PDB file of N, CA and C in Angstrom:
ATOM      1  N   MET A   1     -17.235 132.862 -38.801  1.00  0.00           N
ATOM      2  CA  MET A   1     -17.055 133.548 -39.878  1.00  0.00           C
ATOM      3  C   MET A   1     -18.465 133.681 -40.726  1.00  0.00           C
ATOM      4  N   ALA A   2     -18.798 134.816 -40.968  1.00  0.00           N
ATOM      5  CA  ALA A   2     -20.160 134.836 -41.897  1.00  0.00           C
ATOM      6  C   ALA A   2     -20.158 134.513 -43.135  1.00  0.00           C
ATOM      7  N   ALA A   3     -21.083 133.880 -43.624  1.00  0.00           N
ATOM      8  CA  ALA A   3     -21.095 133.624 -45.068  1.00  0.00           C
ATOM      9  C   ALA A   3     -21.211 134.778 -45.972  1.00  0.00           C
ATOM     10  N   LYS A   4     -20.387 134.798 -47.234  1.00  0.00           N
ATOM     11  CA  LYS A   4     -20.479 135.856 -48.234  1.00  0.00           C
ATOM     12  C   LYS A   4     -21.851 135.850 -48.528  1.00  0.00           C
ATOM     13  N   LYS A   5     -22.366 137.185 -48.842  1.00  0.00           N
ATOM     14  CA  LYS A   5     -23.841 137.403 -49.340  1.00  0.00           C
ATOM     15  C   LYS A   5     -23.794 137.901 -50.606  1.00  0.00           C
ATOM     16  N   SER A   6     -22.480 138.212 -51.302  1.00  0.00           N
ATOM     17  CA  SER A   6     -22.602 138.708 -52.758  1.00  0.00           C
ATOM     18  C   SER A   6     -23.153 137.814 -53.579  1.00  0.00           C
ATOM     19  N   GLY A   7     -23.741 138.325 -54.716  1.00  0.00           N
ATOM     20  CA  GLY A   7     -24.458 137.627 -55.726  1.00  0.00           C
ATOM     21  C   GLY A   7     -23.501 137.105 -56.786  1.00  0.00           C
ATOM     22  N   LYS A   8     -23.880 135.647 -57.324  1.00  0.00           N
ATOM     23  CA  LYS A   8     -22.912 135.172 -58.493  1.00  0.00           C
ATOM     24  C   LYS A   8     -23.957 134.843 -59.557  1.00  0.00           C
ATOM     25  N   THR A   9     -23.553 134.945 -60.939  1.00  0.00           N
ATOM     26  CA  THR A   9     -24.158 134.571 -61.944  1.00  0.00           C
ATOM     27  C   THR A   9     -23.642 133.401 -62.564  1.00  0.00           C
ATOM     28  N   LEU A  10     -24.536 132.419 -63.003  1.00  0.00           N
ATOM     29  CA  LEU A  10     -24.175 131.035 -63.418  1.00  0.00           C
ATOM     30  C   LEU A  10     -24.706 131.126 -64.890  1.00  0.00           C
ATOM     31  N   ASN A  11     -24.016 130.923 -65.927  1.00  0.00           N
ATOM     32  CA  ASN A  11     -24.515 130.777 -67.244  1.00  0.00           C
ATOM     33  C   ASN A  11     -24.633 129.254 -67.590  1.00  0.00           C
ATOM     34  N   LEU A  12     -25.877 128.960 -67.703  1.00  0.00           N
ATOM     35  CA  LEU A  12     -25.779 127.356 -68.156  1.00  0.00           C
ATOM     36  C   LEU A  12     -25.516 127.101 -69.635  1.00  0.00           C
ATOM     37  N   ALA A  13     -25.089 125.911 -69.714  1.00  0.00           N
ATOM     38  CA  ALA A  13     -24.815 125.332 -70.945  1.00  0.00           C
ATOM     39  C   ALA A  13     -25.921 125.151 -71.951  1.00  0.00           C
ATOM     40  N   ALA A  14     -25.508 124.878 -73.042  1.00  0.00           N
ATOM     41  CA  ALA A  14     -26.709 124.602 -74.189  1.00  0.00           C
ATOM     42  C   ALA A  14     -27.450 123.564 -73.929  1.00  0.00           C
ATOM     43  N   THR A  15     -26.760 122.298 -73.549  1.00  0.00           N
ATOM     44  CA  THR A  15     -27.403 121.065 -73.199  1.00  0.00           C
ATOM     45  C   THR A  15     -27.265 120.715 -71.819  1.00  0.00           C
ATOM     46  N   LEU A  16     -28.266 120.554 -71.054  1.00  0.00           N
ATOM     47  CA  LEU A  16     -28.219 120.132 -69.697  1.00  0.00           C
ATOM     48  C   LEU A  16     -28.530 118.713 -69.654  1.00  0.00           C
ATOM     49  N   ASP A  17     -27.718 117.825 -70.072  1.00  0.00           N
ATOM     50  CA  ASP A  17     -27.819 116.483 -70.122  1.00  0.00           C
ATOM     51  C   ASP A  17     -27.046 115.612 -68.780  1.00  0.00           C
ATOM     52  N   LEU A  18     -27.011 114.379 -68.886  1.00  0.00           N
ATOM     53  CA  LEU A  18     -26.304 113.741 -68.010  1.00  0.00           C
ATOM     54  C   LEU A  18     -25.029 114.042 -68.045  1.00  0.00           C
ATOM     55  N   ASN A  19     -24.189 114.179 -69.102  1.00  0.00           N
ATOM     56  CA  ASN A  19     -22.691 114.728 -69.012  1.00  0.00           C
ATOM     57  C   ASN A  19     -22.736 116.008 -68.446  1.00  0.00           C
ATOM     58  N   GLU A  20     -23.472 116.835 -68.483  1.00  0.00           N
ATOM     59  CA  GLU A  20     -23.426 118.299 -67.905  1.00  0.00           C
ATOM     60  C   GLU A  20     -23.850 118.482 -66.539  1.00  0.00           C
ATOM     61  N   ALA A  21     -24.572 117.416 -65.929  1.00  0.00           N
ATOM     62  CA  ALA A  21     -25.236 117.629 -64.639  1.00  0.00           C
ATOM     63  C   ALA A  21     -24.119 117.394 -63.656  1.00  0.00           C
ATOM     64  N   SER A  22     -23.139 116.746 -63.635  1.00  0.00           N
ATOM     65  CA  SER A  22     -22.331 116.560 -62.711  1.00  0.00           C
ATOM     66  C   SER A  22     -21.248 117.815 -62.603  1.00  0.00           C
ATOM     67  N   ALA A  23     -20.864 118.540 -63.872  1.00  0.00           N
ATOM     68  CA  ALA A  23     -20.209 119.583 -63.822  1.00  0.00           C
ATOM     69  C   ALA A  23     -21.105 120.792 -63.113  1.00  0.00           C
ATOM     70  N   LEU A  24     -22.378 120.621 -63.582  1.00  0.00           N
ATOM     71  CA  LEU A  24     -23.457 121.796 -63.054  1.00  0.00           C
ATOM     72  C   LEU A  24     -23.380 121.813 -61.501  1.00  0.00           C
ATOM     73  N   ARG A  25     -23.511 120.573 -60.922  1.00  0.00           N
ATOM     74  CA  ARG A  25     -23.488 120.523 -59.563  1.00  0.00           C
ATOM     75  C   ARG A  25     -22.136 121.009 -58.853  1.00  0.00           C
ATOM     76  N   ASP A  26     -21.126 120.581 -59.597  1.00  0.00           N
ATOM     77  CA  ASP A  26     -19.778 121.412 -59.021  1.00  0.00           C
ATOM     78  C   ASP A  26     -19.793 122.861 -59.037  1.00  0.00           C
ATOM     79  N   LYS A  27     -20.326 123.351 -60.276  1.00  0.00           N
ATOM     80  CA  LYS A  27     -20.429 124.858 -60.337  1.00  0.00           C
ATOM     81  C   LYS A  27     -21.163 125.433 -59.050  1.00  0.00           C
ATOM     82  N   LEU A  28     -22.379 124.845 -59.015  1.00  0.00           N
ATOM     83  CA  LEU A  28     -23.380 125.121 -57.977  1.00  0.00           C
ATOM     84  C   LEU A  28     -22.805 125.096 -56.732  1.00  0.00           C
ATOM     85  N   LEU A  29     -22.028 123.833 -56.337  1.00  0.00           N
ATOM     86  CA  LEU A  29     -21.554 123.736 -55.042  1.00  0.00           C
ATOM     87  C   LEU A  29     -20.525 124.839 -54.558  1.00  0.00           C
ATOM     88  N   SER A  30     -19.762 125.253 -55.620  1.00  0.00           N
ATOM     89  CA  SER A  30     -18.580 126.341 -55.513  1.00  0.00           C
ATOM     90  C   SER A  30     -19.162 127.629 -55.336  1.00  0.00           C
ATOM     91  N   MET A  31     -20.580 127.824 -55.464  1.00  0.00           N
ATOM     92  CA  MET A  31     -21.200 129.114 -55.410  1.00  0.00           C
ATOM     93  C   MET A  31     -22.027 129.238 -54.188  1.00  0.00           C
ATOM     94  N   ARG A  32     -22.029 128.150 -53.284  1.00  0.00           N
ATOM     95  CA  ARG A  32     -22.796 127.976 -51.967  1.00  0.00           C
ATOM     96  C   ARG A  32     -22.488 129.161 -51.110  1.00  0.00           C
ATOM     97  N   GLY A  33     -23.307 129.598 -50.438  1.00  0.00           N
ATOM     98  CA  GLY A  33     -23.091 130.779 -49.623  1.00  0.00           C
ATOM     99  C   GLY A  33     -23.271 132.065 -50.196  1.00  0.00           C
ATOM    100  N   ASN A  34     -23.515 132.193 -51.338  1.00  0.00           N
ATOM    101  CA  ASN A  34     -23.728 133.329 -52.126  1.00  0.00           C
ATOM    102  C   ASN A  34     -25.234 133.310 -52.807  1.00  0.00           C
ATOM    103  N   ALA A  35     -25.752 134.418 -52.863  1.00  0.00           N
ATOM    104  CA  ALA A  35     -27.071 134.551 -53.874  1.00  0.00           C
ATOM    105  C   ALA A  35     -26.458 134.225 -55.295  1.00  0.00           C
ATOM    106  N   VAL A  36     -27.521 133.444 -56.007  1.00  0.00           N
ATOM    107  CA  VAL A  36     -26.990 133.143 -57.248  1.00  0.00           C
ATOM    108  C   VAL A  36     -28.302 133.392 -58.306  1.00  0.00           C
ATOM    109  N   SER A  37     -27.766 133.997 -59.446  1.00  0.00           N
ATOM    110  CA  SER A  37     -28.734 134.298 -60.544  1.00  0.00           C
ATOM    111  C   SER A  37     -28.292 133.300 -61.623  1.00  0.00           C
ATOM    112  N   ILE A  38     -29.340 132.609 -62.323  1.00  0.00           N
ATOM    113  CA  ILE A  38     -28.967 131.669 -63.444  1.00  0.00           C
ATOM    114  C   ILE A  38     -29.358 132.225 -64.482  1.00  0.00           C
ATOM    115  N   ASP A  39     -28.500 132.166 -65.491  1.00  0.00           N
ATOM    116  CA  ASP A  39     -28.906 132.686 -66.931  1.00  0.00           C
ATOM    117  C   ASP A  39     -28.965 131.481 -67.712  1.00  0.00           C
ATOM    118  N   ALA A  40     -30.283 131.032 -68.223  1.00  0.00           N
ATOM    119  CA  ALA A  40     -30.744 129.921 -69.045  1.00  0.00           C
ATOM    120  C   ALA A  40     -30.915 130.404 -70.428  1.00  0.00           C
ATOM    121  N   SER A  41     -30.533 131.646 -70.897  1.00  0.00           N
ATOM    122  CA  SER A  41     -30.987 132.075 -71.996  1.00  0.00           C
ATOM    123  C   SER A  41     -30.348 131.169 -73.290  1.00  0.00           C
ATOM    124  N   ALA A  42     -29.107 130.542 -73.049  1.00  0.00           N
ATOM    125  CA  ALA A  42     -28.599 129.821 -74.252  1.00  0.00           C
ATOM    126  C   ALA A  42     -28.955 128.149 -74.118  1.00  0.00           C
ATOM    127  N   VAL A  43     -29.905 127.781 -73.079  1.00  0.00           N
ATOM    128  CA  VAL A  43     -30.105 126.340 -73.059  1.00  0.00           C
ATOM    129  C   VAL A  43     -31.102 125.974 -74.216  1.00  0.00           C
ATOM    130  N   GLU A  44     -30.641 124.960 -74.997  1.00  0.00           N
ATOM    131  CA  GLU A  44     -31.375 124.205 -75.995  1.00  0.00           C
ATOM    132  C   GLU A  44     -32.138 123.046 -75.696  1.00  0.00           C
ATOM    133  N   ARG A  45     -31.517 122.156 -74.696  1.00  0.00           N
ATOM    134  CA  ARG A  45     -31.914 120.976 -74.340  1.00  0.00           C
ATOM    135  C   ARG A  45     -31.953 120.948 -72.973  1.00  0.00           C
ATOM    136  N   VAL A  46     -32.853 120.352 -72.125  1.00  0.00           N
ATOM    137  CA  VAL A  46     -32.854 119.993 -70.638  1.00  0.00           C
ATOM    138  C   VAL A  46     -32.860 118.596 -70.514  1.00  0.00           C
ATOM    139  N   GLY A  47     -32.151 117.849 -69.679  1.00  0.00           N
ATOM    140  CA  GLY A  47     -32.704 116.348 -69.473  1.00  0.00           C
ATOM    141  C   GLY A  47     -33.019 116.642 -68.086  1.00  0.00           C
ATOM    142  N   THR A  48     -33.784 115.393 -67.610  1.00  0.00           N
ATOM    143  CA  THR A  48     -34.356 115.424 -66.265  1.00  0.00           C
ATOM    144  C   THR A  48     -33.409 115.494 -65.213  1.00  0.00           C
ATOM    145  N   LEU A  49     -32.026 114.994 -65.325  1.00  0.00           N
ATOM    146  CA  LEU A  49     -30.950 114.864 -64.297  1.00  0.00           C
ATOM    147  C   LEU A  49     -30.320 116.318 -64.260  1.00  0.00           C
ATOM    148  N   GLY A  50     -30.361 117.242 -65.221  1.00  0.00           N
ATOM    149  CA  GLY A  50     -29.806 118.699 -65.378  1.00  0.00           C
ATOM    150  C   GLY A  50     -30.927 119.394 -64.565  1.00  0.00           C
ATOM    151  N   ALA A  51     -32.261 119.222 -64.650  1.00  0.00           N
ATOM    152  CA  ALA A  51     -33.457 119.816 -64.176  1.00  0.00           C
ATOM    153  C   ALA A  51     -33.391 119.446 -62.480  1.00  0.00           C
ATOM    154  N   GLN A  52     -33.074 118.221 -62.168  1.00  0.00           N
ATOM    155  CA  GLN A  52     -33.075 117.739 -60.726  1.00  0.00           C
ATOM    156  C   GLN A  52     -31.793 118.454 -60.093  1.00  0.00           C
ATOM    157  N   VAL A  53     -30.718 118.654 -60.902  1.00  0.00           N
ATOM    158  CA  VAL A  53     -29.792 119.485 -59.999  1.00  0.00           C
ATOM    159  C   VAL A  53     -30.159 120.952 -59.865  1.00  0.00           C
ATOM    160  N   LEU A  54     -30.795 121.554 -60.832  1.00  0.00           N
ATOM    161  CA  LEU A  54     -31.212 122.798 -60.473  1.00  0.00           C
ATOM    162  C   LEU A  54     -32.123 122.931 -59.403  1.00  0.00           C
ATOM    163  N   MET A  55     -33.257 122.007 -59.565  1.00  0.00           N
ATOM    164  CA  MET A  55     -34.241 122.191 -58.445  1.00  0.00           C
ATOM    165  C   MET A  55     -33.748 121.800 -57.106  1.00  0.00           C
ATOM    166  N   SER A  56     -32.726 120.703 -56.870  1.00  0.00           N
ATOM    167  CA  SER A  56     -32.077 120.460 -55.678  1.00  0.00           C
ATOM    168  C   SER A  56     -31.377 121.668 -55.098  1.00  0.00           C
ATOM    169  N   ALA A  57     -30.550 122.445 -56.268  1.00  0.00           N
ATOM    170  CA  ALA A  57     -30.030 123.675 -55.754  1.00  0.00           C
ATOM    171  C   ALA A  57     -30.928 124.870 -55.094  1.00  0.00           C
ATOM    172  N   ALA A  58     -32.016 125.015 -55.989  1.00  0.00           N
ATOM    173  CA  ALA A  58     -33.009 125.789 -55.402  1.00  0.00           C
ATOM    174  C   ALA A  58     -33.520 125.799 -54.048  1.00  0.00           C
ATOM    175  N   LYS A  59     -33.790 124.337 -53.864  1.00  0.00           N
ATOM    176  CA  LYS A  59     -34.095 124.023 -52.479  1.00  0.00           C
ATOM    177  C   LYS A  59     -33.144 124.236 -51.480  1.00  0.00           C
ATOM    178  N   THR A  60     -31.884 123.956 -51.715  1.00  0.00           N
ATOM    179  CA  THR A  60     -30.752 124.043 -50.814  1.00  0.00           C
ATOM    180  C   THR A  60     -30.611 125.590 -50.521  1.00  0.00           C
ATOM    181  N   TRP A  61     -30.531 126.678 -51.648  1.00  0.00           N
ATOM    182  CA  TRP A  61     -30.470 128.021 -51.412  1.00  0.00           C
ATOM    183  C   TRP A  61     -31.690 128.664 -50.622  1.00  0.00           C
ATOM    184  N   ASN A  62     -32.995 127.796 -50.836  1.00  0.00           N
ATOM    185  CA  ASN A  62     -34.016 128.440 -49.980  1.00  0.00           C
ATOM    186  C   ASN A  62     -33.645 128.080 -48.459  1.00  0.00           C
ATOM    187  N   GLN A  63     -33.153 126.785 -48.276  1.00  0.00           N
ATOM    188  CA  GLN A  63     -32.968 126.466 -47.050  1.00  0.00           C
ATOM    189  C   GLN A  63     -31.870 127.347 -46.330  1.00  0.00           C
ATOM    190  N   ASP A  64     -30.830 127.703 -47.211  1.00  0.00           N
ATOM    191  CA  ASP A  64     -29.660 128.465 -46.639  1.00  0.00           C
ATOM    192  C   ASP A  64     -30.172 130.337 -46.526  1.00  0.00           C
ATOM    193  N   LYS A  65     -31.621 130.306 -46.853  1.00  0.00           N
ATOM    194  CA  LYS A  65     -32.109 131.743 -46.982  1.00  0.00           C
ATOM    195  C   LYS A  65     -31.363 132.699 -47.838  1.00  0.00           C
ATOM    196  N   LEU A  66     -31.068 132.251 -49.082  1.00  0.00           N
ATOM    197  CA  LEU A  66     -30.234 133.040 -50.062  1.00  0.00           C
ATOM    198  C   LEU A  66     -31.109 132.914 -51.361  1.00  0.00           C
ATOM    199  N   ALA A  67     -30.871 134.014 -52.075  1.00  0.00           N
ATOM    200  CA  ALA A  67     -31.566 134.139 -53.458  1.00  0.00           C
ATOM    201  C   ALA A  67     -30.942 133.221 -54.402  1.00  0.00           C
ATOM    202  N   PHE A  68     -31.987 132.452 -55.025  1.00  0.00           N
ATOM    203  CA  PHE A  68     -31.620 131.493 -56.396  1.00  0.00           C
ATOM    204  C   PHE A  68     -32.818 131.802 -57.413  1.00  0.00           C
ATOM    205  N   THR A  69     -32.394 132.597 -58.275  1.00  0.00           N
ATOM    206  CA  THR A  69     -33.267 133.270 -59.226  1.00  0.00           C
ATOM    207  C   THR A  69     -32.869 132.924 -60.753  1.00  0.00           C
ATOM    208  N   PHE A  70     -33.667 132.716 -61.647  1.00  0.00           N
ATOM    209  CA  PHE A  70     -33.463 132.521 -62.947  1.00  0.00           C
ATOM    210  C   PHE A  70     -33.762 133.973 -63.707  1.00  0.00           C
ATOM    211  N   THR A  71     -32.729 134.547 -64.109  1.00  0.00           N
ATOM    212  CA  THR A  71     -32.762 135.947 -64.696  1.00  0.00           C
ATOM    213  C   THR A  71     -33.256 136.103 -66.038  1.00  0.00           C
ATOM    214  N   LYS A  72     -32.645 134.987 -66.869  1.00  0.00           N
ATOM    215  CA  LYS A  72     -32.864 134.825 -68.227  1.00  0.00           C
ATOM    216  C   LYS A  72     -33.263 133.502 -68.475  1.00  0.00           C
ATOM    217  N   VAL A  73     -34.348 133.310 -69.336  1.00  0.00           N
ATOM    218  CA  VAL A  73     -34.528 131.727 -70.032  1.00  0.00           C
ATOM    219  C   VAL A  73     -34.977 131.703 -71.173  1.00  0.00           C
ATOM    220  N   SER A  74     -34.589 130.510 -71.662  1.00  0.00           N
ATOM    221  CA  SER A  74     -34.825 130.464 -73.225  1.00  0.00           C
ATOM    222  C   SER A  74     -36.309 129.808 -73.149  1.00  0.00           C
ATOM    223  N   ASP A  75     -36.895 129.930 -74.400  1.00  0.00           N
ATOM    224  CA  ASP A  75     -38.132 129.304 -74.692  1.00  0.00           C
ATOM    225  C   ASP A  75     -37.909 127.791 -74.385  1.00  0.00           C
ATOM    226  N   ALA A  76     -36.806 127.212 -74.922  1.00  0.00           N
ATOM    227  CA  ALA A  76     -36.617 125.795 -74.861  1.00  0.00           C
ATOM    228  C   ALA A  76     -36.653 125.400 -73.419  1.00  0.00           C
ATOM    229  N   PHE A  77     -35.888 126.087 -72.616  1.00  0.00           N
ATOM    230  CA  PHE A  77     -35.601 125.785 -70.963  1.00  0.00           C
ATOM    231  C   PHE A  77     -37.077 125.889 -70.468  1.00  0.00           C
ATOM    232  N   GLN A  78     -37.761 127.001 -70.663  1.00  0.00           N
ATOM    233  CA  GLN A  78     -39.125 127.009 -70.007  1.00  0.00           C
ATOM    234  C   GLN A  78     -40.020 126.050 -70.417  1.00  0.00           C
ATOM    235  N   LYS A  79     -40.075 125.859 -71.696  1.00  0.00           N
ATOM    236  CA  LYS A  79     -41.057 124.919 -72.175  1.00  0.00           C
ATOM    237  C   LYS A  79     -40.780 123.341 -71.720  1.00  0.00           C
ATOM    238  N   THR A  80     -39.503 122.940 -71.577  1.00  0.00           N
ATOM    239  CA  THR A  80     -39.042 121.517 -71.290  1.00  0.00           C
ATOM    240  C   THR A  80     -39.347 121.448 -69.784  1.00  0.00           C
ATOM    241  N   MET A  81     -39.108 122.454 -69.011  1.00  0.00           N
ATOM    242  CA  MET A  81     -39.329 122.466 -67.485  1.00  0.00           C
ATOM    243  C   MET A  81     -40.888 122.208 -67.380  1.00  0.00           C
ATOM    244  N   GLN A  82     -41.610 122.824 -68.008  1.00  0.00           N
ATOM    245  CA  GLN A  82     -43.050 122.686 -67.927  1.00  0.00           C
ATOM    246  C   GLN A  82     -43.352 121.496 -68.322  1.00  0.00           C
ATOM    247  N   LEU A  83     -42.967 120.751 -69.308  1.00  0.00           N
ATOM    248  CA  LEU A  83     -43.208 119.352 -69.856  1.00  0.00           C
ATOM    249  C   LEU A  83     -42.884 118.483 -68.831  1.00  0.00           C
ATOM    250  N   ILE A  84     -42.049 118.488 -68.003  1.00  0.00           N
ATOM    251  CA  ILE A  84     -41.281 117.605 -67.121  1.00  0.00           C
ATOM    252  C   ILE A  84     -41.989 117.753 -65.598  1.00  0.00           C
ATOM    253  N   GLY A  85     -42.833 119.014 -65.737  1.00  0.00           N
ATOM    254  CA  GLY A  85     -43.794 119.084 -64.587  1.00  0.00           C
ATOM    255  C   GLY A  85     -42.936 119.906 -63.284  1.00  0.00           C
ATOM    256  N   VAL A  86     -42.018 120.816 -63.738  1.00  0.00           N
ATOM    257  CA  VAL A  86     -41.258 121.600 -62.878  1.00  0.00           C
ATOM    258  C   VAL A  86     -42.021 123.134 -63.129  1.00  0.00           C
ATOM    259  N   ASP A  87     -42.349 123.834 -62.083  1.00  0.00           N
ATOM    260  CA  ASP A  87     -42.878 125.343 -62.129  1.00  0.00           C
ATOM    261  C   ASP A  87     -41.557 125.984 -61.599  1.00  0.00           C
ATOM    262  N   ILE A  88     -40.988 126.616 -62.595  1.00  0.00           N
ATOM    263  CA  ILE A  88     -39.952 127.564 -62.300  1.00  0.00           C
ATOM    264  C   ILE A  88     -40.470 128.948 -61.967  1.00  0.00           C
ATOM    265  N   GLN A  89     -41.664 129.103 -62.210  1.00  0.00           N
ATOM    266  CA  GLN A  89     -42.253 130.558 -61.944  1.00  0.00           C
ATOM    267  C   GLN A  89     -41.921 131.443 -60.817  1.00  0.00           C
ATOM    268  N   PRO A  90     -41.779 130.522 -59.546  1.00  0.00           N
ATOM    269  CA  PRO A  90     -41.662 131.277 -58.224  1.00  0.00           C
ATOM    270  C   PRO A  90     -39.948 131.702 -58.249  1.00  0.00           C
ATOM    271  N   LEU A  91     -39.268 131.009 -59.133  1.00  0.00           N
ATOM    272  CA  LEU A  91     -37.763 131.227 -59.280  1.00  0.00           C
ATOM    273  C   LEU A  91     -37.459 132.358 -60.228  1.00  0.00           C
ATOM    274  N   LEU A  92     -38.319 132.827 -61.108  1.00  0.00           N
ATOM    275  CA  LEU A  92     -38.150 133.698 -62.172  1.00  0.00           C
ATOM    276  C   LEU A  92     -38.090 135.092 -61.555  1.00  0.00           C
ATOM    277  N   ALA A  93     -36.837 135.935 -62.058  1.00  0.00           N
ATOM    278  CA  ALA A  93     -36.809 137.178 -61.552  1.00  0.00           C
ATOM    279  C   ALA A  93     -38.009 138.054 -62.093  1.00  0.00           C
ATOM    280  N   LYS A  94     -38.376 139.122 -61.019  1.00  0.00           N
ATOM    281  CA  LYS A  94     -39.645 139.771 -61.302  1.00  0.00           C
ATOM    282  C   LYS A  94     -39.750 140.412 -62.890  1.00  0.00           C
ATOM    283  N   GLU A  95     -38.543 140.707 -63.286  1.00  0.00           N
ATOM    284  CA  GLU A  95     -38.521 141.369 -64.718  1.00  0.00           C
ATOM    285  C   GLU A  95     -39.039 140.497 -65.888  1.00  0.00           C
ATOM    286  N   ILE A  96     -38.847 139.217 -65.593  1.00  0.00           N
ATOM    287  CA  ILE A  96     -39.166 138.200 -66.800  1.00  0.00           C
ATOM    288  C   ILE A  96     -40.420 137.341 -66.614  1.00  0.00           C
ATOM    289  N   LYS A  97     -41.272 137.621 -65.572  1.00  0.00           N
ATOM    290  CA  LYS A  97     -42.508 136.693 -65.273  1.00  0.00           C
ATOM    291  C   LYS A  97     -43.461 137.306 -66.264  1.00  0.00           C
TER     292      LYS A  97
END
């Protein structure tokens, strides 16, 4: 049976800390097999574990040859990712680059 290719959107919580990382992982696992658009427009704080979960998912989706893009990002999200050394530019939707 072929994997579903329809896209899904995930709205991130305001805080991506240790407590949210496990829930985020579970949400992403439930979306596996689908293209995913991440809406990070409400994010106010990002912990390194939350960033790791997102980057691990991006790598997994890449290996599955499915789209994994950030369609909206808050300034706090973008600045924190830069600060911890994560380049999300290749994952940004073309409209927000």
